[in-house]
Amino acid sequence: MSGLFLGLTVIEASKSSGSLIAENFALEQGRKVFAVSDFPLDLCCSGSNYLIKNGAKFIESADDVIESVRFSLPPR
């Protein structure tokens, strides 16, 4: 799945989540990785918070993603 898109957005993931496996594939394929942060003590969000600490772009809205991939799109 990660190879089909310009980037991968992780909304909620634990550290043992399949989303983190997809994130590794996305990085290997040169894709952008985005993550939404949540409560730091919630184990269901520990993976998302880990990604942000390790370089994933923190997003608060769709505009953050659009701005990041805008220059990755081929010109029309």
PDB file of N, CA and C in Angstrom:
ATOM      1  N   MET A   1       0.810  -1.195   0.000  1.00  0.00           N
ATOM      2  CA  MET A   1       0.000   0.000   0.000  1.00  0.00           C
ATOM      3  C   MET A   1       0.857   1.264   0.000  1.00  0.00           C
ATOM      4  N   SER A   2       1.957   1.257   0.745  1.00  0.00           N
ATOM      5  CA  SER A   2       2.751   2.486   0.865  1.00  0.00           C
ATOM      6  C   SER A   2       3.334   2.919  -0.475  1.00  0.00           C
ATOM      7  N   GLY A   3       3.512   2.006  -1.402  1.00  0.00           N
ATOM      8  CA  GLY A   3       4.077   2.346  -2.694  1.00  0.00           C
ATOM      9  C   GLY A   3       3.111   3.026  -3.640  1.00  0.00           C
ATOM     10  N   LEU A   4       1.834   3.055  -3.308  1.00  0.00           N
ATOM     11  CA  LEU A   4       0.831   3.636  -4.189  1.00  0.00           C
ATOM     12  C   LEU A   4       0.655   5.137  -4.022  1.00  0.00           C
ATOM     13  N   PHE A   5       1.194   5.693  -2.951  1.00  0.00           N
ATOM     14  CA  PHE A   5       0.915   7.083  -2.605  1.00  0.00           C
ATOM     15  C   PHE A   5       2.201   7.883  -2.428  1.00  0.00           C
ATOM     16  N   LEU A   6       2.076   9.205  -2.385  1.00  0.00           N
ATOM     17  CA  LEU A   6       3.230  10.077  -2.166  1.00  0.00           C
ATOM     18  C   LEU A   6       3.690  10.055  -0.720  1.00  0.00           C
ATOM     19  N   GLY A   7       2.785   9.714   0.195  1.00  0.00           N
ATOM     20  CA  GLY A   7       3.131   9.704   1.608  1.00  0.00           C
ATOM     21  C   GLY A   7       2.212   8.793   2.395  1.00  0.00           C
ATOM     22  N   LEU A   8       2.586   8.552   3.614  1.00  0.00           N
ATOM     23  CA  LEU A   8       1.828   7.700   4.519  1.00  0.00           C
ATOM     24  C   LEU A   8       1.514   8.507   5.768  1.00  0.00           C
ATOM     25  N   THR A   9       0.252   8.520   6.170  1.00  0.00           N
ATOM     26  CA  THR A   9      -0.163   9.211   7.388  1.00  0.00           C
ATOM     27  C   THR A   9      -0.593   8.175   8.410  1.00  0.00           C
ATOM     28  N   VAL A  10       0.034   8.208   9.566  1.00  0.00           N
ATOM     29  CA  VAL A  10      -0.309   7.309  10.669  1.00  0.00           C
ATOM     30  C   VAL A  10      -1.146   8.114  11.658  1.00  0.00           C
ATOM     31  N   ILE A  11      -2.374   7.661  11.882  1.00  0.00           N
ATOM     32  CA  ILE A  11      -3.295   8.381  12.764  1.00  0.00           C
ATOM     33  C   ILE A  11      -3.163   7.893  14.199  1.00  0.00           C
ATOM     34  N   GLU A  12      -3.219   6.603  14.390  1.00  0.00           N
ATOM     35  CA  GLU A  12      -3.108   6.028  15.727  1.00  0.00           C
ATOM     36  C   GLU A  12      -2.462   4.664  15.583  1.00  0.00           C
ATOM     37  N   ALA A  13      -1.360   4.457  16.273  1.00  0.00           N
ATOM     38  CA  ALA A  13      -0.655   3.181  16.168  1.00  0.00           C
ATOM     39  C   ALA A  13       0.131   2.904  17.434  1.00  0.00           C
ATOM     40  N   SER A  14       0.096   1.663  17.859  1.00  0.00           N
ATOM     41  CA  SER A  14       0.965   1.262  18.963  1.00  0.00           C
ATOM     42  C   SER A  14       2.338   0.945  18.380  1.00  0.00           C
ATOM     43  N   LYS A  15       3.308   0.721  19.244  1.00  0.00           N
ATOM     44  CA  LYS A  15       4.665   0.454  18.748  1.00  0.00           C
ATOM     45  C   LYS A  15       4.775  -0.894  18.035  1.00  0.00           C
ATOM     46  N   SER A  16       3.839  -1.798  18.268  1.00  0.00           N
ATOM     47  CA  SER A  16       3.885  -3.097  17.591  1.00  0.00           C
ATOM     48  C   SER A  16       2.859  -3.172  16.461  1.00  0.00           C
ATOM     49  N   SER A  17       2.432  -2.027  15.978  1.00  0.00           N
ATOM     50  CA  SER A  17       1.389  -1.939  14.969  1.00  0.00           C
ATOM     51  C   SER A  17       1.909  -2.240  13.573  1.00  0.00           C
ATOM     52  N   GLY A  18       1.033  -2.759  12.739  1.00  0.00           N
ATOM     53  CA  GLY A  18       1.363  -2.954  11.335  1.00  0.00           C
ATOM     54  C   GLY A  18       1.585  -1.635  10.626  1.00  0.00           C
ATOM     55  N   SER A  19       1.064  -0.551  11.177  1.00  0.00           N
ATOM     56  CA  SER A  19       1.285   0.770  10.586  1.00  0.00           C
ATOM     57  C   SER A  19       2.760   1.137  10.606  1.00  0.00           C
ATOM     58  N   LEU A  20       3.478   0.690  11.622  1.00  0.00           N
ATOM     59  CA  LEU A  20       4.909   0.994  11.674  1.00  0.00           C
ATOM     60  C   LEU A  20       5.683   0.161  10.668  1.00  0.00           C
ATOM     61  N   ILE A  21       5.185  -1.014  10.350  1.00  0.00           N
ATOM     62  CA  ILE A  21       5.793  -1.812   9.278  1.00  0.00           C
ATOM     63  C   ILE A  21       5.595  -1.088   7.948  1.00  0.00           C
ATOM     64  N   ALA A  22       4.385  -0.592   7.719  1.00  0.00           N
ATOM     65  CA  ALA A  22       4.103   0.166   6.494  1.00  0.00           C
ATOM     66  C   ALA A  22       4.969   1.420   6.429  1.00  0.00           C
ATOM     67  N   GLU A  23       5.203   2.040   7.580  1.00  0.00           N
ATOM     68  CA  GLU A  23       6.050   3.234   7.632  1.00  0.00           C
ATOM     69  C   GLU A  23       7.467   2.909   7.184  1.00  0.00           C
ATOM     70  N   ASN A  24       7.987   1.768   7.598  1.00  0.00           N
ATOM     71  CA  ASN A  24       9.329   1.362   7.155  1.00  0.00           C
ATOM     72  C   ASN A  24       9.378   1.169   5.649  1.00  0.00           C
ATOM     73  N   PHE A  25       8.346   0.545   5.089  1.00  0.00           N
ATOM     74  CA  PHE A  25       8.281   0.377   3.636  1.00  0.00           C
ATOM     75  C   PHE A  25       8.215   1.739   2.942  1.00  0.00           C
ATOM     76  N   ALA A  26       7.415   2.648   3.490  1.00  0.00           N
ATOM     77  CA  ALA A  26       7.282   3.977   2.889  1.00  0.00           C
ATOM     78  C   ALA A  26       8.626   4.688   2.845  1.00  0.00           C
ATOM     79  N   LEU A  27       9.380   4.621   3.924  1.00  0.00           N
ATOM     80  CA  LEU A  27      10.701   5.265   3.948  1.00  0.00           C
ATOM     81  C   LEU A  27      11.641   4.625   2.943  1.00  0.00           C
ATOM     82  N   GLU A  28      11.611   3.298   2.840  1.00  0.00           N
ATOM     83  CA  GLU A  28      12.460   2.599   1.867  1.00  0.00           C
ATOM     84  C   GLU A  28      12.111   3.004   0.442  1.00  0.00           C
ATOM     85  N   GLN A  29      10.854   3.343   0.202  1.00  0.00           N
ATOM     86  CA  GLN A  29      10.392   3.721  -1.132  1.00  0.00           C
ATOM     87  C   GLN A  29      10.488   5.219  -1.386  1.00  0.00           C
ATOM     88  N   GLY A  30      11.062   5.942  -0.438  1.00  0.00           N
ATOM     89  CA  GLY A  30      11.234   7.378  -0.613  1.00  0.00           C
ATOM     90  C   GLY A  30       9.970   8.187  -0.418  1.00  0.00           C
ATOM     91  N   ARG A  31       9.003   7.646   0.276  1.00  0.00           N
ATOM     92  CA  ARG A  31       7.743   8.352   0.533  1.00  0.00           C
ATOM     93  C   ARG A  31       7.858   9.212   1.775  1.00  0.00           C
ATOM     94  N   LYS A  32       7.004  10.202   1.888  1.00  0.00           N
ATOM     95  CA  LYS A  32       6.939  11.048   3.075  1.00  0.00           C
ATOM     96  C   LYS A  32       6.127  10.326   4.148  1.00  0.00           C
ATOM     97  N   VAL A  33       6.486  10.548   5.399  1.00  0.00           N
ATOM     98  CA  VAL A  33       5.764   9.939   6.516  1.00  0.00           C
ATOM     99  C   VAL A  33       5.232  11.045   7.413  1.00  0.00           C
ATOM    100  N   PHE A  34       3.934  10.961   7.701  1.00  0.00           N
ATOM    101  CA  PHE A  34       3.244  11.931   8.545  1.00  0.00           C
ATOM    102  C   PHE A  34       2.634  11.189   9.719  1.00  0.00           C
ATOM    103  N   ALA A  35       2.443  11.889  10.815  1.00  0.00           N
ATOM    104  CA  ALA A  35       1.810  11.268  11.977  1.00  0.00           C
ATOM    105  C   ALA A  35       0.994  12.302  12.744  1.00  0.00           C
ATOM    106  N   VAL A  36      -0.073  11.810  13.348  1.00  0.00           N
ATOM    107  CA  VAL A  36      -0.927  12.628  14.208  1.00  0.00           C
ATOM    108  C   VAL A  36      -0.611  12.237  15.639  1.00  0.00           C
ATOM    109  N   SER A  37      -0.308  13.219  16.456  1.00  0.00           N
ATOM    110  CA  SER A  37       0.017  12.952  17.853  1.00  0.00           C
ATOM    111  C   SER A  37      -1.252  12.871  18.678  1.00  0.00           C
ATOM    112  N   ASP A  38      -1.153  12.151  19.768  1.00  0.00           N
ATOM    113  CA  ASP A  38      -2.266  12.048  20.698  1.00  0.00           C
ATOM    114  C   ASP A  38      -1.697  12.008  22.108  1.00  0.00           C
ATOM    115  N   PHE A  39      -2.499  11.645  23.052  1.00  0.00           N
ATOM    116  CA  PHE A  39      -2.100  11.639  24.448  1.00  0.00           C
ATOM    117  C   PHE A  39      -0.841  10.801  24.638  1.00  0.00           C
ATOM    118  N   PRO A  40       0.231  11.351  25.178  1.00  0.00           N
ATOM    119  CA  PRO A  40       1.521  10.660  25.255  1.00  0.00           C
ATOM    120  C   PRO A  40       1.524   9.378  26.085  1.00  0.00           C
ATOM    121  N   LEU A  41       0.611   9.245  27.029  1.00  0.00           N
ATOM    122  CA  LEU A  41       0.605   8.057  27.878  1.00  0.00           C
ATOM    123  C   LEU A  41      -0.315   6.952  27.363  1.00  0.00           C
ATOM    124  N   ASP A  42      -1.026   7.207  26.264  1.00  0.00           N
ATOM    125  CA  ASP A  42      -1.924   6.209  25.683  1.00  0.00           C
ATOM    126  C   ASP A  42      -1.107   5.240  24.825  1.00  0.00           C
ATOM    127  N   LEU A  43      -1.092   3.973  25.195  1.00  0.00           N
ATOM    128  CA  LEU A  43      -0.304   2.977  24.461  1.00  0.00           C
ATOM    129  C   LEU A  43      -0.769   2.816  23.022  1.00  0.00           C
ATOM    130  N   CYS A  44      -2.032   3.112  22.746  1.00  0.00           N
ATOM    131  CA  CYS A  44      -2.532   3.022  21.373  1.00  0.00           C
ATOM    132  C   CYS A  44      -1.930   4.098  20.476  1.00  0.00           C
ATOM    133  N   CYS A  45      -1.313   5.093  21.061  1.00  0.00           N
ATOM    134  CA  CYS A  45      -0.725   6.192  20.291  1.00  0.00           C
ATOM    135  C   CYS A  45       0.791   6.230  20.407  1.00  0.00           C
ATOM    136  N   SER A  46       1.362   5.277  21.112  1.00  0.00           N
ATOM    137  CA  SER A  46       2.815   5.311  21.329  1.00  0.00           C
ATOM    138  C   SER A  46       3.601   5.205  20.029  1.00  0.00           C
ATOM    139  N   GLY A  47       3.084   4.470  19.057  1.00  0.00           N
ATOM    140  CA  GLY A  47       3.771   4.349  17.769  1.00  0.00           C
ATOM    141  C   GLY A  47       3.753   5.644  16.986  1.00  0.00           C
ATOM    142  N   SER A  48       2.610   6.319  16.982  1.00  0.00           N
ATOM    143  CA  SER A  48       2.501   7.603  16.282  1.00  0.00           C
ATOM    144  C   SER A  48       3.427   8.632  16.907  1.00  0.00           C
ATOM    145  N   ASN A  49       3.438   8.693  18.220  1.00  0.00           N
ATOM    146  CA  ASN A  49       4.313   9.639  18.913  1.00  0.00           C
ATOM    147  C   ASN A  49       5.785   9.299  18.680  1.00  0.00           C
ATOM    148  N   TYR A  50       6.114   8.014  18.625  1.00  0.00           N
ATOM    149  CA  TYR A  50       7.478   7.566  18.331  1.00  0.00           C
ATOM    150  C   TYR A  50       7.904   8.056  16.942  1.00  0.00           C
ATOM    151  N   LEU A  51       7.009   7.947  15.966  1.00  0.00           N
ATOM    152  CA  LEU A  51       7.339   8.395  14.611  1.00  0.00           C
ATOM    153  C   LEU A  51       7.646   9.887  14.584  1.00  0.00           C
ATOM    154  N   ILE A  52       6.857  10.668  15.297  1.00  0.00           N
ATOM    155  CA  ILE A  52       7.083  12.113  15.329  1.00  0.00           C
ATOM    156  C   ILE A  52       8.429  12.425  15.971  1.00  0.00           C
ATOM    157  N   LYS A  53       8.753  11.731  17.057  1.00  0.00           N
ATOM    158  CA  LYS A  53      10.043  11.952  17.709  1.00  0.00           C
ATOM    159  C   LYS A  53      11.204  11.592  16.807  1.00  0.00           C
ATOM    160  N   ASN A  54      10.966  10.696  15.842  1.00  0.00           N
ATOM    161  CA  ASN A  54      12.048  10.211  14.988  1.00  0.00           C
ATOM    162  C   ASN A  54      11.947  10.702  13.552  1.00  0.00           C
ATOM    163  N   GLY A  55      11.305  11.850  13.354  1.00  0.00           N
ATOM    164  CA  GLY A  55      11.380  12.493  12.053  1.00  0.00           C
ATOM    165  C   GLY A  55      10.134  12.533  11.199  1.00  0.00           C
ATOM    166  N   ALA A  56       9.070  11.848  11.583  1.00  0.00           N
ATOM    167  CA  ALA A  56       7.835  11.963  10.804  1.00  0.00           C
ATOM    168  C   ALA A  56       7.294  13.373  10.957  1.00  0.00           C
ATOM    169  N   LYS A  57       6.667  13.870   9.925  1.00  0.00           N
ATOM    170  CA  LYS A  57       6.105  15.221   9.993  1.00  0.00           C
ATOM    171  C   LYS A  57       4.834  15.201  10.833  1.00  0.00           C
ATOM    172  N   PHE A  58       4.800  16.055  11.840  1.00  0.00           N
ATOM    173  CA  PHE A  58       3.628  16.199  12.695  1.00  0.00           C
ATOM    174  C   PHE A  58       2.549  16.948  11.925  1.00  0.00           C
ATOM    175  N   ILE A  59       1.346  16.393  11.868  1.00  0.00           N
ATOM    176  CA  ILE A  59       0.271  17.076  11.164  1.00  0.00           C
ATOM    177  C   ILE A  59      -0.887  17.362  12.106  1.00  0.00           C
ATOM    178  N   GLU A  60      -1.484  18.520  11.866  1.00  0.00           N
ATOM    179  CA  GLU A  60      -2.672  18.918  12.616  1.00  0.00           C
ATOM    180  C   GLU A  60      -3.898  18.989  11.723  1.00  0.00           C
ATOM    181  N   SER A  61      -3.685  19.079  10.408  1.00  0.00           N
ATOM    182  CA  SER A  61      -4.810  19.156   9.475  1.00  0.00           C
ATOM    183  C   SER A  61      -4.361  18.657   8.105  1.00  0.00           C
ATOM    184  N   ALA A  62      -5.320  18.493   7.229  1.00  0.00           N
ATOM    185  CA  ALA A  62      -5.018  18.058   5.864  1.00  0.00           C
ATOM    186  C   ALA A  62      -4.126  19.064   5.150  1.00  0.00           C
ATOM    187  N   ASP A  63      -4.231  20.331   5.524  1.00  0.00           N
ATOM    188  CA  ASP A  63      -3.398  21.360   4.897  1.00  0.00           C
ATOM    189  C   ASP A  63      -1.907  21.086   5.090  1.00  0.00           C
ATOM    190  N   ASP A  64      -1.534  20.512   6.238  1.00  0.00           N
ATOM    191  CA  ASP A  64      -0.126  20.183   6.484  1.00  0.00           C
ATOM    192  C   ASP A  64       0.368  19.141   5.481  1.00  0.00           C
ATOM    193  N   VAL A  65      -0.457  18.163   5.174  1.00  0.00           N
ATOM    194  CA  VAL A  65      -0.086  17.122   4.212  1.00  0.00           C
ATOM    195  C   VAL A  65      -0.029  17.708   2.806  1.00  0.00           C
ATOM    196  N   ILE A  66      -1.050  18.469   2.446  1.00  0.00           N
ATOM    197  CA  ILE A  66      -1.102  19.060   1.100  1.00  0.00           C
ATOM    198  C   ILE A  66       0.109  19.940   0.847  1.00  0.00           C
ATOM    199  N   GLU A  67       0.469  20.739   1.821  1.00  0.00           N
ATOM    200  CA  GLU A  67       1.642  21.612   1.675  1.00  0.00           C
ATOM    201  C   GLU A  67       2.920  20.804   1.475  1.00  0.00           C
ATOM    202  N   SER A  68       3.032  19.673   2.147  1.00  0.00           N
ATOM    203  CA  SER A  68       4.251  18.858   2.054  1.00  0.00           C
ATOM    204  C   SER A  68       4.371  18.114   0.738  1.00  0.00           C
ATOM    205  N   VAL A  69       3.258  17.696   0.155  1.00  0.00           N
ATOM    206  CA  VAL A  69       3.341  16.916  -1.086  1.00  0.00           C
ATOM    207  C   VAL A  69       3.119  17.773  -2.323  1.00  0.00           C
ATOM    208  N   ARG A  70       2.754  19.015  -2.143  1.00  0.00           N
ATOM    209  CA  ARG A  70       2.450  19.889  -3.289  1.00  0.00           C
ATOM    210  C   ARG A  70       3.593  19.915  -4.308  1.00  0.00           C
ATOM    211  N   PHE A  71       4.815  19.992  -3.847  1.00  0.00           N
ATOM    212  CA  PHE A  71       5.957  20.094  -4.756  1.00  0.00           C
ATOM    213  C   PHE A  71       6.440  18.732  -5.252  1.00  0.00           C
ATOM    214  N   SER A  72       5.828  17.660  -4.752  1.00  0.00           N
ATOM    215  CA  SER A  72       6.167  16.321  -5.221  1.00  0.00           C
ATOM    216  C   SER A  72       5.329  15.916  -6.428  1.00  0.00           C
ATOM    217  N   LEU A  73       4.253  16.652  -6.688  1.00  0.00           N
ATOM    218  CA  LEU A  73       3.370  16.327  -7.789  1.00  0.00           C
ATOM    219  C   LEU A  73       3.977  16.783  -9.110  1.00  0.00           C
ATOM    220  N   PRO A  74       3.792  15.991 -10.168  1.00  0.00           N
ATOM    221  CA  PRO A  74       4.291  16.426 -11.475  1.00  0.00           C
ATOM    222  C   PRO A  74       3.491  17.641 -11.957  1.00  0.00           C
ATOM    223  N   PRO A  75       4.128  18.551 -12.697  1.00  0.00           N
ATOM    224  CA  PRO A  75       3.411  19.733 -13.201  1.00  0.00           C
ATOM    225  C   PRO A  75       2.332  19.326 -14.182  1.00  0.00           C
ATOM    226  N   ARG A  76       1.261  20.108 -14.244  1.00  0.00           N
ATOM    227  CA  ARG A  76       0.161  19.827 -15.181  1.00  0.00           C
ATOM    228  C   ARG A  76       0.401  20.478 -16.500  1.00  0.00           C
TER     229      ARG A  76
END
